[in-house]
N, C-alpha and C. Protein backbone atom coordinates (compact mmCIF):
# COMPACT_ATOMS: atom_id res chain seq x y z
N UNK A 1 -21.80 -29.98 -1.36
CA UNK A 1 -23.04 -29.54 -0.82
C UNK A 1 -23.84 -28.41 -1.78
N UNK A 2 -24.94 -29.15 -1.96
CA UNK A 2 -25.88 -28.32 -2.63
C UNK A 2 -26.55 -26.77 -2.02
N UNK A 3 -27.22 -25.94 -3.25
CA UNK A 3 -27.47 -24.87 -2.37
C UNK A 3 -28.02 -24.35 -1.77
N UNK A 4 -29.06 -25.27 -1.87
CA UNK A 4 -30.62 -25.08 -0.81
C UNK A 4 -30.26 -25.87 0.83
N UNK A 5 -29.05 -26.72 0.34
CA UNK A 5 -28.24 -27.49 1.51
C UNK A 5 -28.03 -26.09 2.17
N UNK A 6 -26.79 -26.03 1.86
CA UNK A 6 -25.96 -24.63 2.52
C UNK A 6 -26.59 -23.97 3.06
N UNK A 7 -28.18 -23.23 2.06
CA UNK A 7 -28.39 -22.56 2.96
C UNK A 7 -29.77 -22.88 4.20
N UNK A 8 -29.77 -23.99 4.21
CA UNK A 8 -30.67 -24.46 5.30
C UNK A 8 -29.38 -24.61 6.37
N UNK A 9 -28.45 -25.53 6.28
CA UNK A 9 -26.95 -25.37 7.50
C UNK A 9 -26.68 -23.99 7.93
N UNK A 10 -27.38 -22.77 7.19
CA UNK A 10 -26.50 -21.59 8.02
C UNK A 10 -28.06 -21.23 8.11
N UNK A 11 -29.26 -21.21 7.97
CA UNK A 11 -30.22 -21.24 9.12
C UNK A 11 -30.55 -21.63 9.95
N UNK A 12 -30.31 -23.06 10.61
CA UNK A 12 -30.16 -23.59 11.05
C UNK A 12 -29.29 -23.46 12.18
N UNK A 13 -27.83 -22.90 11.71
CA UNK A 13 -27.17 -22.70 12.92
C UNK A 13 -27.50 -21.31 13.32
N UNK A 14 -28.28 -20.37 12.72
CA UNK A 14 -28.77 -19.10 13.32
C UNK A 14 -29.49 -19.57 14.04
N UNK A 15 -30.98 -20.44 13.95
CA UNK A 15 -31.51 -21.20 14.88
C UNK A 15 -31.08 -21.56 16.43
N UNK A 16 -29.81 -22.17 16.13
CA UNK A 16 -29.41 -22.75 17.32
C UNK A 16 -28.36 -22.12 17.90
N UNK A 17 -27.90 -20.25 17.79
CA UNK A 17 -27.28 -19.45 18.32
C UNK A 17 -27.90 -19.38 19.71
N UNK A 18 -27.10 -19.47 20.41
CA UNK A 18 -26.78 -19.12 22.23
C UNK A 18 -26.55 -17.52 22.43
N UNK A 19 -26.98 -17.31 23.55
CA UNK A 19 -27.24 -15.52 23.79
C UNK A 19 -25.21 -15.62 23.85
N UNK A 20 -24.48 -14.73 23.60
CA UNK A 20 -23.55 -13.89 23.92
C UNK A 20 -22.77 -15.03 22.92
N UNK A 21 -23.22 -16.01 22.14
CA UNK A 21 -22.14 -16.48 20.94
C UNK A 21 -21.92 -15.77 19.87
N UNK A 22 -20.50 -15.90 19.68
CA UNK A 22 -19.94 -15.06 18.01
C UNK A 22 -20.78 -16.06 17.37
N UNK A 23 -20.82 -14.80 15.71
CA UNK A 23 -21.30 -15.06 14.68
C UNK A 23 -20.55 -16.17 13.76
N UNK A 24 -18.93 -16.45 13.84
CA UNK A 24 -17.99 -16.59 12.94
C UNK A 24 -18.65 -17.92 12.31
N UNK A 25 -19.17 -18.89 13.29
CA UNK A 25 -19.27 -20.38 12.22
C UNK A 25 -20.70 -20.28 11.30
N UNK A 26 -21.26 -18.57 11.65
CA UNK A 26 -22.70 -18.63 10.86
C UNK A 26 -21.83 -18.35 9.85
N UNK A 27 -21.23 -16.96 9.92
CA UNK A 27 -20.11 -16.33 8.58
C UNK A 27 -19.27 -17.33 7.91
N UNK A 28 -18.88 -17.83 8.77
CA UNK A 28 -18.50 -18.99 7.71
C UNK A 28 -18.57 -19.94 6.97
N UNK A 29 -20.29 -20.58 7.45
CA UNK A 29 -21.01 -20.79 6.04
C UNK A 29 -21.46 -20.35 5.54
N UNK A 30 -22.05 -19.02 5.44
CA UNK A 30 -22.51 -18.20 4.58
C UNK A 30 -21.59 -18.12 3.57
N UNK A 31 -20.12 -18.14 3.91
CA UNK A 31 -19.20 -17.86 2.84
C UNK A 31 -19.01 -19.22 2.03
N UNK A 32 -19.36 -20.39 2.30
CA UNK A 32 -19.44 -21.80 1.49
C UNK A 32 -20.60 -21.78 0.77
N UNK A 33 -21.91 -21.01 0.63
CA UNK A 33 -22.57 -21.25 -0.14
C UNK A 33 -22.29 -20.72 -0.94
N UNK A 34 -22.46 -21.73 -2.29
CA UNK A 34 -22.22 -21.55 -3.68
C UNK A 34 -23.21 -20.74 -4.33
N UNK A 35 -23.44 -19.23 -4.26
CA UNK A 35 -24.20 -18.49 -4.90
C UNK A 35 -23.74 -17.93 -6.28
N UNK A 36 -24.74 -17.72 -7.23
CA UNK A 36 -24.15 -16.97 -8.36
C UNK A 36 -23.88 -15.51 -8.14
N UNK A 37 -22.99 -14.70 -8.20
CA UNK A 37 -22.65 -13.49 -7.80
C UNK A 37 -22.62 -12.65 -9.41
N UNK A 38 -23.02 -13.22 -10.51
CA UNK A 38 -22.67 -12.25 -11.51
C UNK A 38 -23.47 -11.44 -11.48
N UNK A 39 -24.61 -11.30 -11.05
CA UNK A 39 -25.75 -10.08 -11.21
C UNK A 39 -25.66 -9.39 -9.65
N UNK A 40 -24.64 -9.46 -8.95
CA UNK A 40 -24.23 -8.82 -7.57
C UNK A 40 -24.41 -7.24 -7.41
N UNK A 41 -23.71 -6.76 -8.46
CA UNK A 41 -23.64 -5.54 -8.43
C UNK A 41 -24.92 -4.91 -8.97
N UNK A 42 -25.50 -5.29 -10.07
CA UNK A 42 -26.87 -4.81 -10.34
C UNK A 42 -27.95 -4.77 -9.41
N UNK A 43 -27.94 -6.21 -8.75
CA UNK A 43 -28.83 -6.27 -7.81
C UNK A 43 -28.63 -5.35 -6.57
N UNK A 44 -27.91 -5.12 -5.88
CA UNK A 44 -27.47 -4.24 -4.75
C UNK A 44 -27.45 -2.56 -5.28
N UNK A 45 -27.13 -2.67 -6.39
CA UNK A 45 -27.08 -0.76 -6.84
C UNK A 45 -28.98 -0.67 -7.03
N UNK A 46 -29.41 -1.44 -7.35
CA UNK A 46 -31.00 -1.10 -7.73
C UNK A 46 -31.96 -1.52 -6.22
N UNK A 47 -31.52 -2.34 -5.33
CA UNK A 47 -31.75 -2.13 -3.78
C UNK A 47 -31.33 -1.04 -2.95
N UNK A 48 -30.21 -0.58 -3.24
CA UNK A 48 -29.83 0.95 -2.69
C UNK A 48 -31.17 1.85 -3.33
N UNK A 49 -31.12 1.64 -4.54
CA UNK A 49 -31.66 2.72 -5.10
C UNK A 49 -33.33 2.63 -5.28
N UNK A 50 -34.10 1.64 -4.73
CA UNK A 50 -35.50 1.25 -4.88
C UNK A 50 -35.86 1.38 -3.03
N UNK A 51 -34.59 0.82 -2.49
CA UNK A 51 -34.59 0.98 -0.81
C UNK A 51 -36.10 -0.29 -0.67
N UNK A 52 -36.09 -1.03 -1.29
CA UNK A 52 -36.77 -2.09 -1.57
C UNK A 52 -35.88 -3.64 -1.00
N UNK A 53 -36.16 -3.58 0.41
CA UNK A 53 -35.06 -4.88 0.73
C UNK A 53 -35.58 -6.15 0.98
N UNK A 54 -34.83 -7.12 0.69
CA UNK A 54 -35.07 -8.71 1.25
C UNK A 54 -35.80 -8.94 2.44
N UNK A 55 -36.82 -9.96 2.58
CA UNK A 55 -37.78 -10.04 3.98
C UNK A 55 -37.72 -11.19 3.87
N UNK A 56 -37.35 -12.42 3.42
CA UNK A 56 -37.47 -13.55 3.65
C UNK A 56 -36.15 -14.43 3.59
N UNK A 57 -36.35 -15.25 4.58
CA UNK A 57 -34.98 -16.29 5.15
C UNK A 57 -33.85 -16.27 4.29
N UNK A 58 -34.13 -17.05 3.13
CA UNK A 58 -33.06 -17.30 2.13
C UNK A 58 -32.84 -15.75 1.70
N UNK A 59 -33.30 -15.08 1.25
CA UNK A 59 -32.74 -13.66 0.46
C UNK A 59 -31.77 -12.87 1.31
N UNK A 60 -32.98 -12.79 2.32
CA UNK A 60 -31.46 -11.77 3.43
C UNK A 60 -30.19 -12.66 3.73
N UNK A 61 -30.34 -14.28 3.57
CA UNK A 61 -28.65 -14.67 3.62
C UNK A 61 -28.02 -14.11 2.58
N UNK A 62 -29.13 -14.48 1.00
CA UNK A 62 -27.97 -14.35 -0.21
C UNK A 62 -27.35 -12.50 -0.66
N UNK A 63 -28.24 -11.64 0.69
CA UNK A 63 -27.20 -10.08 0.75
C UNK A 63 -26.23 -10.28 1.55
N UNK A 64 -26.02 -10.78 2.71
CA UNK A 64 -25.32 -11.07 3.68
C UNK A 64 -24.00 -12.09 2.62
N UNK A 65 -24.46 -12.70 1.53
CA UNK A 65 -22.98 -13.62 0.83
C UNK A 65 -22.53 -12.43 -0.38
N UNK A 66 -23.55 -11.97 -0.73
CA UNK A 66 -23.43 -10.90 -1.99
C UNK A 66 -22.13 -9.79 -1.05
N UNK A 67 -22.60 -9.16 0.31
CA UNK A 67 -21.38 -8.21 0.54
C UNK A 67 -20.09 -8.94 1.43
N UNK A 68 -20.24 -9.93 1.78
CA UNK A 68 -19.02 -10.67 2.17
C UNK A 68 -18.56 -11.43 1.04
N UNK A 69 -18.73 -11.38 -0.35
CA UNK A 69 -17.66 -11.85 -1.21
C UNK A 69 -17.14 -10.56 -2.06
N UNK A 70 -17.59 -8.81 -1.68
CA UNK A 70 -16.90 -8.43 -1.93
C UNK A 70 -15.76 -7.91 -0.97
N UNK A 71 -16.26 -8.22 0.48
CA UNK A 71 -15.48 -7.60 1.29
C UNK A 71 -13.89 -8.49 0.71
N UNK A 72 -14.26 -9.97 0.53
CA UNK A 72 -13.36 -10.98 0.27
C UNK A 72 -12.35 -10.17 -0.56
N UNK A 73 -13.09 -9.76 -1.66
CA UNK A 73 -12.01 -8.81 -2.70
C UNK A 73 -11.62 -8.07 -2.25
N UNK A 74 -11.98 -6.93 -1.30
CA UNK A 74 -10.96 -5.99 -1.28
C UNK A 74 -9.78 -6.54 -0.37
N UNK A 75 -10.08 -7.38 0.49
CA UNK A 75 -9.41 -8.07 1.88
C UNK A 75 -8.02 -8.49 1.21
N UNK A 76 -8.01 -9.16 0.08
CA UNK A 76 -6.83 -9.34 -0.46
C UNK A 76 -5.95 -8.01 -0.67
N UNK A 77 -6.45 -6.80 -1.16
CA UNK A 77 -5.52 -6.13 -1.17
C UNK A 77 -4.93 -5.02 0.13
N UNK A 78 -6.19 -5.29 0.96
CA UNK A 78 -5.86 -4.64 1.92
C UNK A 78 -4.67 -5.30 2.86
N UNK A 79 -4.72 -6.91 2.64
CA UNK A 79 -3.47 -7.54 3.70
C UNK A 79 -2.40 -7.15 2.08
N UNK A 80 -1.88 -7.43 1.14
CA UNK A 80 -0.87 -6.63 0.44
C UNK A 80 -0.77 -5.19 0.87
N UNK A 81 -1.28 -4.14 0.88
CA UNK A 81 -1.29 -3.10 1.51
C UNK A 81 -0.55 -2.91 2.92
N UNK A 82 -1.12 -3.93 3.65
CA UNK A 82 -0.16 -4.10 5.20
C UNK A 82 1.07 -4.53 5.19
N UNK A 83 1.31 -5.56 4.08
CA UNK A 83 2.87 -6.51 3.38
C UNK A 83 3.66 -4.90 3.05
N UNK A 84 3.14 -4.30 2.26
CA UNK A 84 3.58 -3.25 1.64
C UNK A 84 4.30 -2.10 2.41
N UNK A 85 3.26 -1.73 3.58
CA UNK A 85 3.54 -0.79 4.27
C UNK A 85 4.66 -1.24 5.50
N UNK A 86 4.83 -2.57 5.51
CA UNK A 86 5.95 -2.79 6.76
C UNK A 86 6.63 -3.23 5.82
N UNK A 87 6.96 -3.64 4.55
CA UNK A 87 8.34 -3.23 3.65
C UNK A 87 9.09 -2.37 3.78
N UNK A 88 8.45 -0.79 3.51
CA UNK A 88 8.33 0.14 3.06
C UNK A 88 8.82 1.02 4.93
N UNK A 89 8.41 0.55 5.64
CA UNK A 89 9.10 0.86 7.25
C UNK A 89 10.15 0.58 7.35
N UNK A 90 10.43 -1.23 7.03
CA UNK A 90 11.66 -1.56 7.19
C UNK A 90 12.64 -0.71 6.54
N UNK A 91 12.61 -0.24 5.38
CA UNK A 91 13.33 0.12 4.14
C UNK A 91 14.14 1.21 5.01
N UNK A 92 12.58 2.35 5.59
CA UNK A 92 13.22 3.69 6.08
C UNK A 92 13.72 3.84 6.85
N UNK A 93 13.27 2.61 7.91
CA UNK A 93 14.07 2.58 9.15
C UNK A 93 15.02 3.00 10.01
N UNK A 94 16.16 3.20 8.50
CA UNK A 94 17.71 3.30 9.65
C UNK A 94 17.93 4.52 8.52
N UNK A 95 17.25 5.24 7.87
CA UNK A 95 17.68 6.75 7.55
C UNK A 95 16.06 7.61 7.32
N UNK A 96 16.50 8.67 6.40
CA UNK A 96 14.97 9.63 6.12
C UNK A 96 14.55 8.92 5.10
N UNK A 97 13.24 8.68 5.26
CA UNK A 97 12.34 8.33 3.81
C UNK A 97 12.23 9.76 2.89
N UNK A 98 12.70 9.23 1.72
CA UNK A 98 12.21 10.43 0.64
C UNK A 98 10.62 10.55 0.82
N UNK A 99 10.56 11.60 0.19
CA UNK A 99 9.11 12.11 -0.45
C UNK A 99 7.82 10.96 -1.04
N UNK A 100 8.86 10.31 -1.64
CA UNK A 100 7.68 9.33 -2.18
C UNK A 100 7.67 8.14 -1.00
N UNK A 101 8.65 7.94 -0.46
CA UNK A 101 8.14 6.81 0.71
C UNK A 101 7.45 7.36 1.92
N UNK A 102 7.53 8.61 2.23
CA UNK A 102 7.09 9.13 2.90
C UNK A 102 5.47 9.56 3.23
N UNK A 103 5.22 9.86 1.39
CA UNK A 103 4.08 10.10 1.40
C UNK A 103 2.92 9.04 1.14
N UNK A 104 3.45 7.42 0.37
CA UNK A 104 3.40 6.35 0.45
C UNK A 104 2.75 5.94 1.42
N UNK A 105 3.59 6.00 2.73
CA UNK A 105 3.58 5.46 3.90
C UNK A 105 2.11 5.92 4.82
N UNK A 106 2.31 7.17 4.36
CA UNK A 106 0.85 7.93 4.83
C UNK A 106 -0.44 7.68 4.28
N UNK A 107 -0.23 7.34 2.90
CA UNK A 107 -1.52 7.23 2.05
C UNK A 107 -2.03 5.69 2.33
N UNK A 108 -1.13 4.95 2.61
CA UNK A 108 -1.45 3.55 2.61
C UNK A 108 -2.16 3.54 4.40
N UNK A 109 -1.72 4.23 5.54
CA UNK A 109 -1.78 3.82 6.61
C UNK A 109 -3.63 4.50 6.28
N UNK A 110 -3.54 5.88 5.71
CA UNK A 110 -5.18 6.48 5.88
C UNK A 110 -6.20 5.59 5.20
N UNK A 111 -5.81 4.65 4.10
CA UNK A 111 -6.59 3.98 3.84
C UNK A 111 -6.37 2.10 4.76
N UNK A 112 -5.46 2.12 4.90
CA UNK A 112 -5.43 0.81 5.88
C UNK A 112 -6.39 1.20 7.05
N UNK A 113 -6.93 2.25 7.59
CA UNK A 113 -7.62 2.45 8.68
C UNK A 113 -8.71 2.69 7.81
N UNK A 114 -9.18 3.62 7.00
CA UNK A 114 -10.50 3.83 6.35
C UNK A 114 -11.26 2.09 5.88
N UNK A 115 -10.03 1.19 5.35
CA UNK A 115 -10.67 -0.14 5.13
C UNK A 115 -11.20 -0.50 6.62
N UNK A 116 -10.51 -0.71 7.57
CA UNK A 116 -10.61 -1.46 8.76
C UNK A 116 -11.83 -0.57 9.57
N UNK A 117 -12.31 0.59 9.19
CA UNK A 117 -13.26 1.18 10.00
C UNK A 117 -14.38 0.59 9.41
N UNK A 118 -14.47 0.35 7.92
CA UNK A 118 -15.43 -0.68 6.65
C UNK A 118 -15.70 -1.69 7.43
N UNK A 119 -15.00 -2.67 7.72
CA UNK A 119 -14.93 -3.97 8.28
C UNK A 119 -15.88 -3.78 9.58
N UNK A 120 -15.50 -2.94 10.51
CA UNK A 120 -16.70 -2.87 11.81
C UNK A 120 -18.03 -2.72 11.37
N UNK A 121 -18.06 -1.66 10.70
CA UNK A 121 -19.45 -1.50 9.86
C UNK A 121 -19.90 -2.60 9.57
N UNK A 122 -19.39 -3.08 8.64
CA UNK A 122 -19.77 -4.72 8.09
C UNK A 122 -20.10 -5.93 9.17
N UNK A 123 -19.45 -5.92 9.85
CA UNK A 123 -19.07 -6.69 11.06
C UNK A 123 -20.51 -6.47 11.81
N UNK A 124 -20.49 -5.11 12.67
CA UNK A 124 -21.95 -5.37 13.33
C UNK A 124 -23.44 -5.22 12.84
N UNK A 125 -23.07 -4.67 11.05
CA UNK A 125 -24.30 -5.28 10.16
C UNK A 125 -24.93 -6.50 10.24
N UNK A 126 -23.77 -7.30 10.25
CA UNK A 126 -23.94 -8.65 10.44
C UNK A 126 -24.34 -9.40 11.63
N UNK A 127 -23.82 -8.80 12.30
CA UNK A 127 -24.27 -9.55 13.65
C UNK A 127 -25.64 -9.07 14.09
N UNK A 128 -25.90 -8.08 13.84
CA UNK A 128 -27.27 -7.00 14.80
C UNK A 128 -28.34 -8.07 13.17
N UNK A 129 -28.33 -8.38 12.14
CA UNK A 129 -29.15 -9.19 11.39
C UNK A 129 -29.19 -10.76 11.48
N UNK A 130 -28.06 -11.37 11.84
CA UNK A 130 -28.14 -12.39 12.28
C UNK A 130 -28.98 -12.69 13.71
N UNK A 131 -28.83 -11.59 14.55
CA UNK A 131 -29.35 -11.69 15.98
C UNK A 131 -31.01 -11.90 16.08
N UNK A 132 -31.01 -10.74 15.40
CA UNK A 132 -32.62 -10.40 14.57
C UNK A 132 -32.99 -11.74 14.14
N UNK A 133 -32.50 -12.18 13.10
CA UNK A 133 -32.81 -13.29 12.33
C UNK A 133 -33.27 -14.70 13.53
N UNK A 134 -32.25 -14.46 14.68
CA UNK A 134 -32.62 -15.55 15.50
C UNK A 134 -33.59 -15.15 16.47
N UNK A 135 -33.67 -14.32 17.19
CA UNK A 135 -35.10 -13.89 17.53
C UNK A 135 -36.55 -13.72 17.47
N UNK A 136 -36.47 -14.01 15.65
CA UNK A 136 -37.62 -14.23 14.96
C UNK A 136 -37.83 -15.89 15.13
N UNK A 137 -36.69 -16.67 14.83
CA UNK A 137 -36.66 -17.87 14.59
C UNK A 137 -37.34 -18.34 16.07
N UNK A 138 -37.20 -17.85 17.10
CA UNK A 138 -37.11 -18.25 18.46
C UNK A 138 -39.19 -18.05 18.86
N UNK A 139 -39.18 -16.99 18.16
CA UNK A 139 -40.96 -16.81 18.47
C UNK A 139 -41.68 -17.84 17.30
N UNK A 140 -40.95 -18.48 16.35
CA UNK A 140 -41.83 -19.30 15.53
C UNK A 140 -40.97 -20.83 16.27
N UNK A 141 -40.60 -20.81 17.23
CA UNK A 141 -40.23 -22.01 17.87
C UNK A 141 -39.18 -22.88 17.48
N UNK A 142 -38.42 -22.36 16.22
CA UNK A 142 -37.35 -23.27 15.69
C UNK A 142 -35.85 -23.48 16.12
N UNK A 143 -35.72 -24.69 15.86
CA UNK A 143 -34.45 -24.85 16.84
C UNK A 143 -33.69 -25.11 15.84
N UNK A 144 -32.42 -25.52 16.36
CA UNK A 144 -31.60 -26.05 15.16
C UNK A 144 -31.92 -27.31 14.49
N UNK A 145 -31.85 -27.45 13.86
CA UNK A 145 -32.31 -28.87 12.69
C UNK A 145 -33.79 -29.11 12.66
N UNK A 146 -34.61 -27.63 12.83
CA UNK A 146 -35.80 -27.77 12.64
C UNK A 146 -36.44 -27.27 11.12
N UNK A 147 -35.42 -26.02 10.84
CA UNK A 147 -35.23 -24.96 9.43
C UNK A 147 -35.61 -25.91 8.15
N UNK A 148 -36.67 -26.41 7.63
CA UNK A 148 -36.58 -27.02 6.31
C UNK A 148 -36.89 -26.15 5.18
N UNK A 149 -36.63 -27.09 4.13
CA UNK A 149 -37.14 -26.57 2.88
C UNK A 149 -37.80 -25.56 2.48
N UNK A 150 -39.00 -26.00 3.41
CA UNK A 150 -40.36 -25.46 2.96
C UNK A 150 -39.96 -23.55 3.97
N UNK A 151 -39.24 -23.77 4.83
CA UNK A 151 -39.17 -22.22 5.44
C UNK A 151 -37.89 -21.08 5.00
N UNK A 152 -37.21 -21.83 3.54
CA UNK A 152 -35.93 -21.15 2.80
C UNK A 152 -36.88 -19.45 2.37
N UNK A 153 -38.07 -19.51 1.88
CA UNK A 153 -38.45 -18.75 1.35
C UNK A 153 -39.54 -17.70 2.44
N UNK A 154 -39.82 -18.23 3.79
CA UNK A 154 -40.40 -17.37 4.75
C UNK A 154 -40.17 -16.09 4.94
N UNK A 155 -40.96 -14.95 5.18
CA UNK A 155 -40.98 -14.06 5.21
C UNK A 155 -41.38 -13.56 6.54
N UNK A 156 -40.18 -12.79 6.70
CA UNK A 156 -40.06 -12.26 8.41
C UNK A 156 -40.96 -11.73 8.94
N UNK A 157 -41.31 -11.69 10.14
CA UNK A 157 -42.71 -10.56 10.36
C UNK A 157 -42.13 -8.94 10.48
N UNK A 158 -42.93 -8.03 9.90
CA UNK A 158 -42.98 -6.46 9.70
C UNK A 158 -42.12 -6.29 10.92
N UNK A 159 -42.21 -6.49 12.07
CA UNK A 159 -41.45 -5.85 13.32
C UNK A 159 -39.50 -6.22 12.76
N UNK A 160 -39.34 -7.70 12.76
CA UNK A 160 -38.14 -7.94 12.31
C UNK A 160 -37.43 -7.37 11.02
N UNK A 161 -38.52 -7.35 10.03
CA UNK A 161 -38.07 -6.67 8.98
C UNK A 161 -37.81 -4.86 9.25
N UNK A 162 -38.27 -4.15 10.23
CA UNK A 162 -38.39 -2.95 10.29
C UNK A 162 -36.67 -3.04 11.42
N UNK A 163 -36.79 -4.02 12.40
CA UNK A 163 -35.61 -3.62 13.21
C UNK A 163 -33.74 -3.84 12.39
N UNK A 164 -34.36 -5.15 11.49
CA UNK A 164 -33.15 -5.19 10.45
C UNK A 164 -32.81 -4.08 9.49
N UNK A 165 -33.86 -3.57 8.86
CA UNK A 165 -33.65 -2.25 7.92
C UNK A 165 -32.38 -1.18 8.42
N UNK A 166 -32.44 -0.52 9.15
CA UNK A 166 -31.00 0.20 9.09
C UNK A 166 -29.63 -0.68 8.89
N UNK A 167 -29.46 -1.55 9.53
CA UNK A 167 -28.25 -2.47 9.09
C UNK A 167 -28.07 -3.25 7.72
N UNK A 168 -29.61 -3.17 7.01
CA UNK A 168 -29.32 -3.42 5.73
C UNK A 168 -28.36 -2.60 5.10
N UNK A 169 -29.19 -1.30 5.60
CA UNK A 169 -28.58 0.06 4.77
C UNK A 169 -27.59 0.57 5.07
N UNK A 170 -26.43 -0.31 6.42
CA UNK A 170 -25.38 -0.59 6.69
C UNK A 170 -24.73 -1.04 5.97
N UNK A 171 -25.10 -2.43 5.17
CA UNK A 171 -24.49 -3.27 4.76
C UNK A 171 -24.25 -2.84 3.05
N UNK A 172 -25.07 -2.15 2.65
CA UNK A 172 -25.28 -1.20 1.51
C UNK A 172 -24.16 -0.38 1.40
N UNK A 173 -24.24 0.49 2.24
CA UNK A 173 -22.87 1.77 2.61
C UNK A 173 -21.79 0.78 2.55
N UNK A 174 -21.63 -0.38 3.28
CA UNK A 174 -20.44 -0.80 3.65
C UNK A 174 -20.03 -1.04 1.84
N UNK A 175 -20.98 -2.48 1.37
CA UNK A 175 -20.40 -2.00 -0.02
C UNK A 175 -20.37 -1.43 -1.13
N UNK A 176 -21.12 -0.28 -1.06
CA UNK A 176 -20.37 1.11 -1.60
C UNK A 176 -19.05 1.20 -1.80
N UNK A 177 -18.41 1.72 -0.33
CA UNK A 177 -17.34 1.73 0.46
C UNK A 177 -16.45 0.65 -0.70
N UNK A 178 -16.39 -0.18 0.38
CA UNK A 178 -15.74 -1.57 -0.24
C UNK A 178 -15.86 -1.20 -2.03
N UNK A 179 -16.32 -1.06 -2.74
CA UNK A 179 -16.27 -0.99 -4.39
C UNK A 179 -16.13 0.50 -4.75
N UNK A 180 -15.85 1.41 -3.97
CA UNK A 180 -15.39 2.39 -4.64
C UNK A 180 -13.44 2.80 -4.31
N UNK A 181 -13.32 1.74 -2.80
CA UNK A 181 -12.31 1.69 -2.58
C UNK A 181 -10.94 1.25 -3.30
N UNK A 182 -11.95 -0.23 -3.32
CA UNK A 182 -10.80 -1.41 -3.96
C UNK A 182 -9.82 -1.50 -5.08
N UNK A 183 -10.25 -0.40 -5.86
CA UNK A 183 -9.52 -0.11 -6.91
C UNK A 183 -8.62 0.89 -6.48
N UNK A 184 -8.53 1.72 -5.63
CA UNK A 184 -7.64 3.01 -5.07
C UNK A 184 -6.73 1.90 -4.36
N UNK A 185 -6.90 1.16 -3.27
CA UNK A 185 -5.86 0.46 -2.66
C UNK A 185 -5.07 -0.77 -3.47
N UNK A 186 -5.66 -1.07 -4.61
CA UNK A 186 -5.09 -1.75 -5.46
C UNK A 186 -3.95 -1.06 -6.44
N UNK A 187 -4.24 0.04 -7.00
CA UNK A 187 -3.52 1.19 -7.05
C UNK A 187 -2.33 1.30 -6.30
N UNK A 188 -2.73 1.54 -5.16
CA UNK A 188 -1.87 2.09 -3.93
C UNK A 188 -0.37 0.71 -3.92
N UNK A 189 -1.45 -0.27 -3.90
CA UNK A 189 0.11 -1.26 -3.99
C UNK A 189 0.66 -1.21 -4.53
N UNK A 190 0.07 -1.07 -5.97
CA UNK A 190 1.35 -0.94 -7.09
C UNK A 190 2.01 -0.16 -7.14
N UNK A 191 1.98 1.20 -6.83
CA UNK A 191 2.74 2.15 -6.25
C UNK A 191 3.64 2.37 -5.39
N UNK A 192 3.48 1.42 -4.09
CA UNK A 192 4.21 1.12 -3.27
C UNK A 192 5.25 0.24 -3.92
N UNK A 193 4.59 -0.71 -4.34
CA UNK A 193 5.81 -2.32 -5.00
C UNK A 193 6.63 -1.07 -5.74
N UNK A 194 6.67 -0.29 -6.92
CA UNK A 194 7.67 0.65 -7.53
C UNK A 194 8.39 1.38 -6.51
N UNK A 195 7.95 1.93 -5.63
CA UNK A 195 8.96 2.53 -4.92
C UNK A 195 9.49 2.11 -3.68
N UNK A 196 9.29 0.49 -3.45
CA UNK A 196 9.96 -0.52 -3.01
C UNK A 196 10.94 -0.88 -3.83
N UNK A 197 11.00 -1.25 -4.90
CA UNK A 197 11.77 -1.62 -6.16
C UNK A 197 13.08 -0.47 -6.09
N UNK A 198 12.67 0.67 -6.52
CA UNK A 198 13.65 1.95 -6.06
C UNK A 198 14.57 1.69 -5.08
N UNK A 199 14.05 1.96 -4.15
CA UNK A 199 14.29 1.72 -2.59
C UNK A 199 15.81 0.77 -2.67
N UNK A 200 15.15 -0.50 -2.82
CA UNK A 200 16.42 -1.67 -3.22
C UNK A 200 17.36 -1.42 -3.44
N UNK A 201 16.98 -1.25 -5.33
CA UNK A 201 18.07 -0.73 -6.33
C UNK A 201 19.22 0.42 -5.68
N UNK A 202 18.62 0.99 -4.90
CA UNK A 202 19.71 2.05 -4.12
C UNK A 202 20.47 1.19 -3.28
N UNK A 203 19.94 0.67 -2.49
CA UNK A 203 20.51 0.05 -1.42
C UNK A 203 21.77 -1.31 -1.78
């Protein structure tokens, strides 16, 4: 699927949202957009600094895509940290954990909870932005299938731009937290691996 078509698919899904419907299909559609993310970090850093936020359909979806790719990256480490935690838990279930085992368990728990709290902020911001885009599309009498290429760069109303601004700020904060914590959780997974290896040798 060409990039423009992928954006149109996403925007048409937004236009066709029903009241109470989850945004999972739309987020899945965004994940399938083949966007160039090589300048993602520079673009997001400048956006956070300048406080000049995207106000056109395509650019807003690109922002959601950028934050989504950052989440996907940290999510791999998050899942590994859950696995390591379970392994250490099993190894220590029959006896008192060593100081290193107890320390890594607590630290992994802290960071697992921290990342889950960022996921929650991210999800709420995504959902709020998508619902506001849908509301704006209703005002334009757009329905699923009626969003065309000419509308990719359509600028949303100033009211809608104001309504989504707090959620864009939340997304940028989530991105900052993902960026800051991914190397920490990666390092913790590595340390946990060494501790597990040592424990297995002793057993």
